[in-house]
């Protein structure tokens, strides 16, 4: 429950505007977590952006654990497990933050650099 402790700490100390950037999975996704849909509810809503792998077999995803109320907003995964890197399921992410507005743009891209998903987040 380390994540639950961390999320509870962030809420208690009114930390806002955080996202999780993850890569140690073998597919591409964007998940939104919301306490109203979760078993554990002591946290503020947040986003997780998943991009990978850059040069490894592709597989997944597994079923999401419902503890933190995840919603799959976007997912791009191979049709079969352990798909070759040459099959086109290699991804990376790009994050940009506009200084004046604070807007964060997260773009998930395929290996050719083509955007497969984009989300713009405003600070609150």
Protein backbone atom coordinates (compact mmCIF):
# COMPACT_ATOMS: atom_id res chain seq x y z
CA UNK A 1 0.00 0.00 0.00
CA UNK A 2 2.89 2.39 -0.56
CA UNK A 3 0.96 4.10 -3.35
CA UNK A 4 -2.05 4.58 -1.07
CA UNK A 5 0.18 6.19 1.55
CA UNK A 6 1.75 8.47 -1.04
CA UNK A 7 -1.61 9.50 -2.52
CA UNK A 8 -3.02 10.16 0.96
CA UNK A 9 0.04 12.28 1.79
CA UNK A 10 -0.35 14.32 -1.40
CA UNK A 11 -4.00 15.00 -0.63
CA UNK A 12 -3.34 15.86 3.03
CA UNK A 13 -0.66 18.37 2.01
CA UNK A 14 -2.79 19.75 -0.86
CA UNK A 15 -0.33 18.80 -3.59
CA UNK A 16 -2.06 19.31 -6.92
CA UNK A 17 -1.37 18.88 -10.63
CA UNK A 18 0.68 15.70 -10.49
CA UNK A 19 0.79 13.01 -13.14
CA UNK A 20 2.47 9.62 -13.32
CA UNK A 21 4.74 8.88 -16.27
CA UNK A 22 5.42 5.16 -16.61
CA UNK A 23 7.33 3.10 -19.11
CA UNK A 24 8.09 -0.34 -17.70
CA UNK A 25 5.21 -1.94 -19.54
CA UNK A 26 5.05 -3.07 -23.12
CA UNK A 27 2.14 -1.09 -24.56
CA UNK A 28 0.90 2.51 -24.75
CA UNK A 29 -1.97 3.96 -22.67
CA UNK A 30 -3.52 6.89 -20.84
CA UNK A 31 -5.37 6.19 -17.59
CA UNK A 32 -7.40 8.57 -15.46
CA UNK A 33 -7.75 7.67 -11.77
CA UNK A 34 -10.68 9.01 -9.78
CA UNK A 35 -11.55 8.36 -6.11
CA UNK A 36 -15.29 8.15 -6.84
CA UNK A 37 -14.62 4.93 -8.80
CA UNK A 38 -12.03 3.52 -6.37
CA UNK A 39 -11.93 1.20 -3.38
CA UNK A 40 -9.29 3.49 -1.79
CA UNK A 41 -10.62 7.05 -1.96
CA UNK A 42 -8.19 9.29 -0.04
CA UNK A 43 -6.66 10.98 -3.10
CA UNK A 44 -7.25 13.62 -5.74
CA UNK A 45 -7.90 12.56 -9.35
CA UNK A 46 -4.76 12.11 -11.45
CA UNK A 47 -3.51 10.92 -14.83
CA UNK A 48 -1.06 8.18 -15.72
CA UNK A 49 0.58 8.16 -19.14
CA UNK A 50 2.22 4.92 -20.28
CA UNK A 51 4.69 4.65 -23.16
CA UNK A 52 6.90 1.76 -24.09
CA UNK A 53 8.79 -0.18 -25.08
CA UNK A 54 11.38 1.51 -27.26
CA UNK A 55 13.05 -1.70 -28.41
CA UNK A 56 11.61 -4.86 -26.93
CA UNK A 57 8.78 -7.28 -27.47
CA UNK A 58 5.30 -5.80 -27.02
CA UNK A 59 2.54 -7.38 -24.96
CA UNK A 60 -0.20 -6.60 -22.49
CA UNK A 61 -2.09 -5.12 -21.04
CA UNK A 62 -3.17 -7.06 -17.98
CA UNK A 63 -6.46 -6.28 -16.26
CA UNK A 64 -6.23 -3.05 -14.26
CA UNK A 65 -6.47 -3.22 -10.49
CA UNK A 66 -9.58 -1.29 -9.37
CA UNK A 67 -8.10 -0.11 -6.05
CA UNK A 68 -7.54 3.43 -7.34
CA UNK A 69 -10.45 3.63 -9.80
CA UNK A 70 -8.63 3.63 -13.14
CA UNK A 71 -10.39 4.49 -16.37
CA UNK A 72 -8.71 3.51 -19.63
CA UNK A 73 -8.96 6.66 -21.75
CA UNK A 74 -6.59 5.40 -24.46
CA UNK A 75 -4.77 2.15 -25.15
CA UNK A 76 -2.71 0.85 -28.03
CA UNK A 77 -1.42 -2.67 -27.57
CA UNK A 78 -0.39 -5.46 -29.92
CA UNK A 79 -2.92 -8.10 -30.98
CA UNK A 80 -0.69 -10.91 -29.66
CA UNK A 81 1.72 -11.36 -26.77
CA UNK A 82 5.47 -10.82 -27.27
CA UNK A 83 5.07 -9.09 -30.63
CA UNK A 84 8.35 -8.26 -32.37
CA UNK A 85 9.69 -4.70 -32.18
CA UNK A 86 9.36 -4.65 -35.98
CA UNK A 87 5.55 -5.03 -35.72
CA UNK A 88 5.03 -1.34 -35.01
CA UNK A 89 4.02 -1.35 -31.35
CA UNK A 90 6.93 0.70 -30.01
CA UNK A 91 6.10 4.00 -28.29
CA UNK A 92 7.56 6.98 -26.48
CA UNK A 93 6.09 10.01 -24.76
CA UNK A 94 6.69 13.74 -25.01
CA UNK A 95 5.78 16.25 -22.31
CA UNK A 96 5.72 20.02 -22.78
CA UNK A 97 4.74 22.65 -20.23
CA UNK A 98 3.86 26.17 -21.36
CA UNK A 99 5.54 28.59 -18.95
CA UNK A 100 3.03 31.46 -19.01
CA UNK A 101 -0.15 29.35 -18.80
CA UNK A 102 1.18 26.26 -17.00
CA UNK A 103 -0.65 24.05 -19.49
CA UNK A 104 0.90 20.60 -19.76
CA UNK A 105 0.69 18.73 -23.04
CA UNK A 106 1.39 15.00 -23.06
CA UNK A 107 1.80 13.33 -26.45
CA UNK A 108 2.21 9.59 -26.89
CA UNK A 109 3.99 8.77 -30.14
CA UNK A 110 4.80 5.71 -32.19
CA UNK A 111 8.36 4.94 -33.26
CA UNK A 112 7.92 7.07 -36.40
CA UNK A 113 7.04 10.08 -34.22
CA UNK A 114 3.36 10.07 -35.18
CA UNK A 115 1.09 11.19 -32.33
CA UNK A 116 -1.27 8.39 -31.31
CA UNK A 117 -2.75 10.25 -28.31
CA UNK A 118 -2.58 13.76 -26.87
CA UNK A 119 -3.93 15.25 -23.66
CA UNK A 120 -3.70 18.87 -22.56
CA UNK A 121 -3.99 19.51 -18.82
CA UNK A 122 -4.67 22.87 -17.21
CA UNK A 123 -3.27 23.56 -13.73
CA UNK A 124 -5.88 23.84 -10.99
